[in-house]
């Protein structure tokens, strides 16, 4: 399996997980607080934006590694 295919599959799965984590607070009103590095939610009025700083860091490092690898 090519590295690009594997990376794409991992990104799709992570995207689905992040979408489910973002929908979870609406479905489950009493979810336990997650560590801010795993999931952070910002509320602006009625708009709720959730993200995972840990996933952003991992994907940035993965992107940089793949970009440096392609330069060789």
N, C-alpha and C. Protein backbone atom coordinates (compact mmCIF):
# COMPACT_ATOMS: atom_id res chain seq x y z
N UNK A 1 0.85 -1.17 0.00
CA UNK A 1 0.00 0.00 0.00
C UNK A 1 0.90 1.24 0.00
N UNK A 2 0.57 2.18 -0.84
CA UNK A 2 1.37 3.40 -0.93
C UNK A 2 1.14 4.28 0.29
N UNK A 3 2.16 5.06 0.64
CA UNK A 3 2.08 5.93 1.82
C UNK A 3 0.98 6.98 1.66
N UNK A 4 0.76 7.45 0.44
CA UNK A 4 -0.28 8.46 0.22
C UNK A 4 -1.67 7.88 0.48
N UNK A 5 -1.88 6.64 0.07
CA UNK A 5 -3.16 5.98 0.30
C UNK A 5 -3.39 5.77 1.79
N UNK A 6 -2.36 5.31 2.48
CA UNK A 6 -2.47 5.10 3.92
C UNK A 6 -2.72 6.41 4.65
N UNK A 7 -2.01 7.45 4.26
CA UNK A 7 -2.20 8.76 4.89
C UNK A 7 -3.62 9.27 4.64
N UNK A 8 -4.12 9.09 3.43
CA UNK A 8 -5.49 9.51 3.12
C UNK A 8 -6.52 8.78 3.95
N UNK A 9 -6.33 7.47 4.11
CA UNK A 9 -7.27 6.69 4.92
C UNK A 9 -7.23 7.15 6.38
N UNK A 10 -6.04 7.41 6.90
CA UNK A 10 -5.91 7.88 8.28
C UNK A 10 -6.60 9.23 8.44
N UNK A 11 -6.41 10.13 7.49
CA UNK A 11 -7.03 11.45 7.59
C UNK A 11 -8.55 11.37 7.51
N UNK A 12 -9.08 10.49 6.69
CA UNK A 12 -10.53 10.32 6.60
C UNK A 12 -11.08 9.81 7.93
N UNK A 13 -10.42 8.82 8.51
CA UNK A 13 -10.87 8.27 9.80
C UNK A 13 -10.79 9.34 10.89
N UNK A 14 -9.70 10.10 10.92
CA UNK A 14 -9.57 11.17 11.92
C UNK A 14 -10.64 12.24 11.72
N UNK A 15 -10.96 12.54 10.48
CA UNK A 15 -12.02 13.51 10.20
C UNK A 15 -13.37 13.04 10.71
N UNK A 16 -13.67 11.77 10.49
CA UNK A 16 -14.93 11.21 10.99
C UNK A 16 -14.98 11.25 12.51
N UNK A 17 -13.86 10.91 13.15
CA UNK A 17 -13.80 10.94 14.62
C UNK A 17 -14.01 12.36 15.12
N UNK A 18 -13.38 13.35 14.49
CA UNK A 18 -13.55 14.74 14.92
C UNK A 18 -14.98 15.22 14.72
N UNK A 19 -15.62 14.80 13.63
CA UNK A 19 -17.02 15.18 13.41
C UNK A 19 -17.90 14.57 14.50
N UNK A 20 -17.66 13.30 14.82
CA UNK A 20 -18.45 12.65 15.86
C UNK A 20 -18.22 13.29 17.22
N UNK A 21 -16.99 13.69 17.51
CA UNK A 21 -16.71 14.37 18.78
C UNK A 21 -17.42 15.71 18.82
N UNK A 22 -17.49 16.40 17.69
CA UNK A 22 -18.19 17.69 17.64
C UNK A 22 -19.69 17.55 17.80
N UNK A 23 -20.26 16.45 17.35
CA UNK A 23 -21.70 16.22 17.44
C UNK A 23 -22.07 15.66 18.82
N UNK A 24 -21.14 15.01 19.47
CA UNK A 24 -21.41 14.34 20.74
C UNK A 24 -21.99 15.26 21.82
N UNK A 25 -21.50 16.50 22.00
CA UNK A 25 -22.10 17.34 23.05
C UNK A 25 -23.58 17.61 22.84
N UNK A 26 -24.02 17.66 21.59
CA UNK A 26 -25.45 17.87 21.34
C UNK A 26 -26.26 16.63 21.68
N UNK A 27 -25.69 15.46 21.40
CA UNK A 27 -26.41 14.22 21.64
C UNK A 27 -26.38 13.87 23.13
N UNK A 28 -25.22 13.94 23.71
CA UNK A 28 -25.06 13.60 25.13
C UNK A 28 -24.83 14.88 25.92
N UNK A 29 -25.82 15.25 26.68
CA UNK A 29 -25.72 16.51 27.43
C UNK A 29 -24.70 16.45 28.56
N UNK A 30 -24.50 15.29 29.13
CA UNK A 30 -23.60 15.20 30.28
C UNK A 30 -22.37 14.35 29.95
N UNK A 31 -21.55 14.85 29.03
CA UNK A 31 -20.31 14.13 28.75
C UNK A 31 -19.23 14.64 29.69
N UNK A 32 -18.32 13.79 30.10
CA UNK A 32 -17.24 14.25 30.98
C UNK A 32 -16.31 15.20 30.24
N UNK A 33 -15.69 16.08 30.99
CA UNK A 33 -14.77 17.04 30.38
C UNK A 33 -13.54 16.31 29.85
N UNK A 34 -13.18 16.60 28.62
CA UNK A 34 -11.98 16.04 28.03
C UNK A 34 -10.82 16.99 28.25
N UNK A 35 -9.62 16.46 28.23
CA UNK A 35 -8.42 17.28 28.38
C UNK A 35 -8.38 18.29 27.22
N UNK A 36 -8.00 19.55 27.48
CA UNK A 36 -8.00 20.57 26.42
C UNK A 36 -7.07 20.25 25.25
N UNK A 37 -6.09 19.40 25.46
CA UNK A 37 -5.21 19.02 24.36
C UNK A 37 -5.90 18.04 23.42
N UNK A 38 -6.86 17.29 23.92
CA UNK A 38 -7.59 16.32 23.10
C UNK A 38 -8.74 16.99 22.36
N UNK A 39 -9.50 17.83 23.06
CA UNK A 39 -10.66 18.48 22.44
C UNK A 39 -10.89 19.84 23.07
N UNK A 40 -10.98 20.86 22.23
CA UNK A 40 -11.24 22.21 22.69
C UNK A 40 -12.45 22.74 21.94
N UNK A 41 -13.36 23.36 22.67
CA UNK A 41 -14.56 23.89 22.05
C UNK A 41 -14.68 25.37 22.38
N UNK A 42 -14.94 26.17 21.36
CA UNK A 42 -15.13 27.61 21.51
C UNK A 42 -16.57 27.91 21.16
N UNK A 43 -17.24 28.70 21.99
CA UNK A 43 -18.63 29.06 21.74
C UNK A 43 -18.71 30.56 21.48
N UNK A 44 -19.28 30.92 20.33
CA UNK A 44 -19.50 32.32 19.98
C UNK A 44 -20.98 32.47 19.70
N UNK A 45 -21.70 33.00 20.67
CA UNK A 45 -23.15 33.08 20.53
C UNK A 45 -23.75 31.68 20.51
N UNK A 46 -24.45 31.35 19.43
CA UNK A 46 -25.02 30.01 19.28
C UNK A 46 -24.10 29.08 18.49
N UNK A 47 -23.01 29.62 17.97
CA UNK A 47 -22.08 28.83 17.16
C UNK A 47 -21.03 28.17 18.05
N UNK A 48 -20.90 26.85 17.92
CA UNK A 48 -19.90 26.10 18.68
C UNK A 48 -18.89 25.52 17.70
N UNK A 49 -17.62 25.81 17.94
CA UNK A 49 -16.54 25.32 17.09
C UNK A 49 -15.64 24.45 17.95
N UNK A 50 -15.45 23.20 17.53
CA UNK A 50 -14.61 22.28 18.27
C UNK A 50 -13.44 21.81 17.43
N UNK A 51 -12.30 21.63 18.07
CA UNK A 51 -11.11 21.16 17.38
C UNK A 51 -10.23 20.38 18.34
N UNK A 52 -9.26 19.71 17.79
CA UNK A 52 -8.32 18.95 18.59
C UNK A 52 -6.91 19.47 18.33
N UNK A 53 -6.34 20.22 19.26
CA UNK A 53 -4.98 20.71 19.06
C UNK A 53 -3.96 19.59 18.87
N UNK A 54 -4.16 18.47 19.52
CA UNK A 54 -3.24 17.34 19.38
C UNK A 54 -3.26 16.81 17.94
N UNK A 55 -4.43 16.67 17.36
CA UNK A 55 -4.54 16.19 15.98
C UNK A 55 -3.93 17.21 15.02
N UNK A 56 -4.13 18.50 15.28
CA UNK A 56 -3.55 19.53 14.43
C UNK A 56 -2.03 19.46 14.47
N UNK A 57 -1.45 19.27 15.64
CA UNK A 57 0.00 19.15 15.78
C UNK A 57 0.51 17.92 15.04
N UNK A 58 -0.14 16.79 15.24
CA UNK A 58 0.28 15.54 14.58
C UNK A 58 0.20 15.67 13.06
N UNK A 59 -0.89 16.23 12.56
CA UNK A 59 -1.04 16.37 11.11
C UNK A 59 -0.05 17.37 10.52
N UNK A 60 0.27 18.42 11.27
CA UNK A 60 1.28 19.38 10.80
C UNK A 60 2.64 18.73 10.69
N UNK A 61 3.02 17.95 11.71
CA UNK A 61 4.30 17.24 11.67
C UNK A 61 4.31 16.23 10.53
N UNK A 62 3.23 15.50 10.34
CA UNK A 62 3.14 14.53 9.25
C UNK A 62 3.26 15.23 7.90
N UNK A 63 2.61 16.36 7.75
CA UNK A 63 2.69 17.13 6.51
C UNK A 63 4.12 17.59 6.24
N UNK A 64 4.79 18.12 7.27
CA UNK A 64 6.17 18.58 7.10
C UNK A 64 7.10 17.43 6.75
N UNK A 65 6.92 16.28 7.38
CA UNK A 65 7.76 15.11 7.08
C UNK A 65 7.55 14.67 5.63
N UNK A 66 6.31 14.62 5.19
CA UNK A 66 6.04 14.21 3.81
C UNK A 66 6.56 15.24 2.81
N UNK A 67 6.47 16.51 3.14
CA UNK A 67 6.98 17.54 2.24
C UNK A 67 8.50 17.48 2.15
N UNK A 68 9.17 17.28 3.28
CA UNK A 68 10.63 17.18 3.27
C UNK A 68 11.07 15.92 2.54
N UNK A 69 10.31 14.85 2.68
CA UNK A 69 10.64 13.60 2.00
C UNK A 69 10.52 13.73 0.48
N UNK A 70 9.55 14.51 0.03
CA UNK A 70 9.36 14.68 -1.41
C UNK A 70 10.43 15.58 -2.02
N UNK A 71 11.09 16.39 -1.20
CA UNK A 71 12.15 17.28 -1.70
C UNK A 71 13.45 16.54 -1.96
N UNK A 72 13.60 15.34 -1.40
CA UNK A 72 14.85 14.59 -1.56
C UNK A 72 14.95 14.00 -2.90
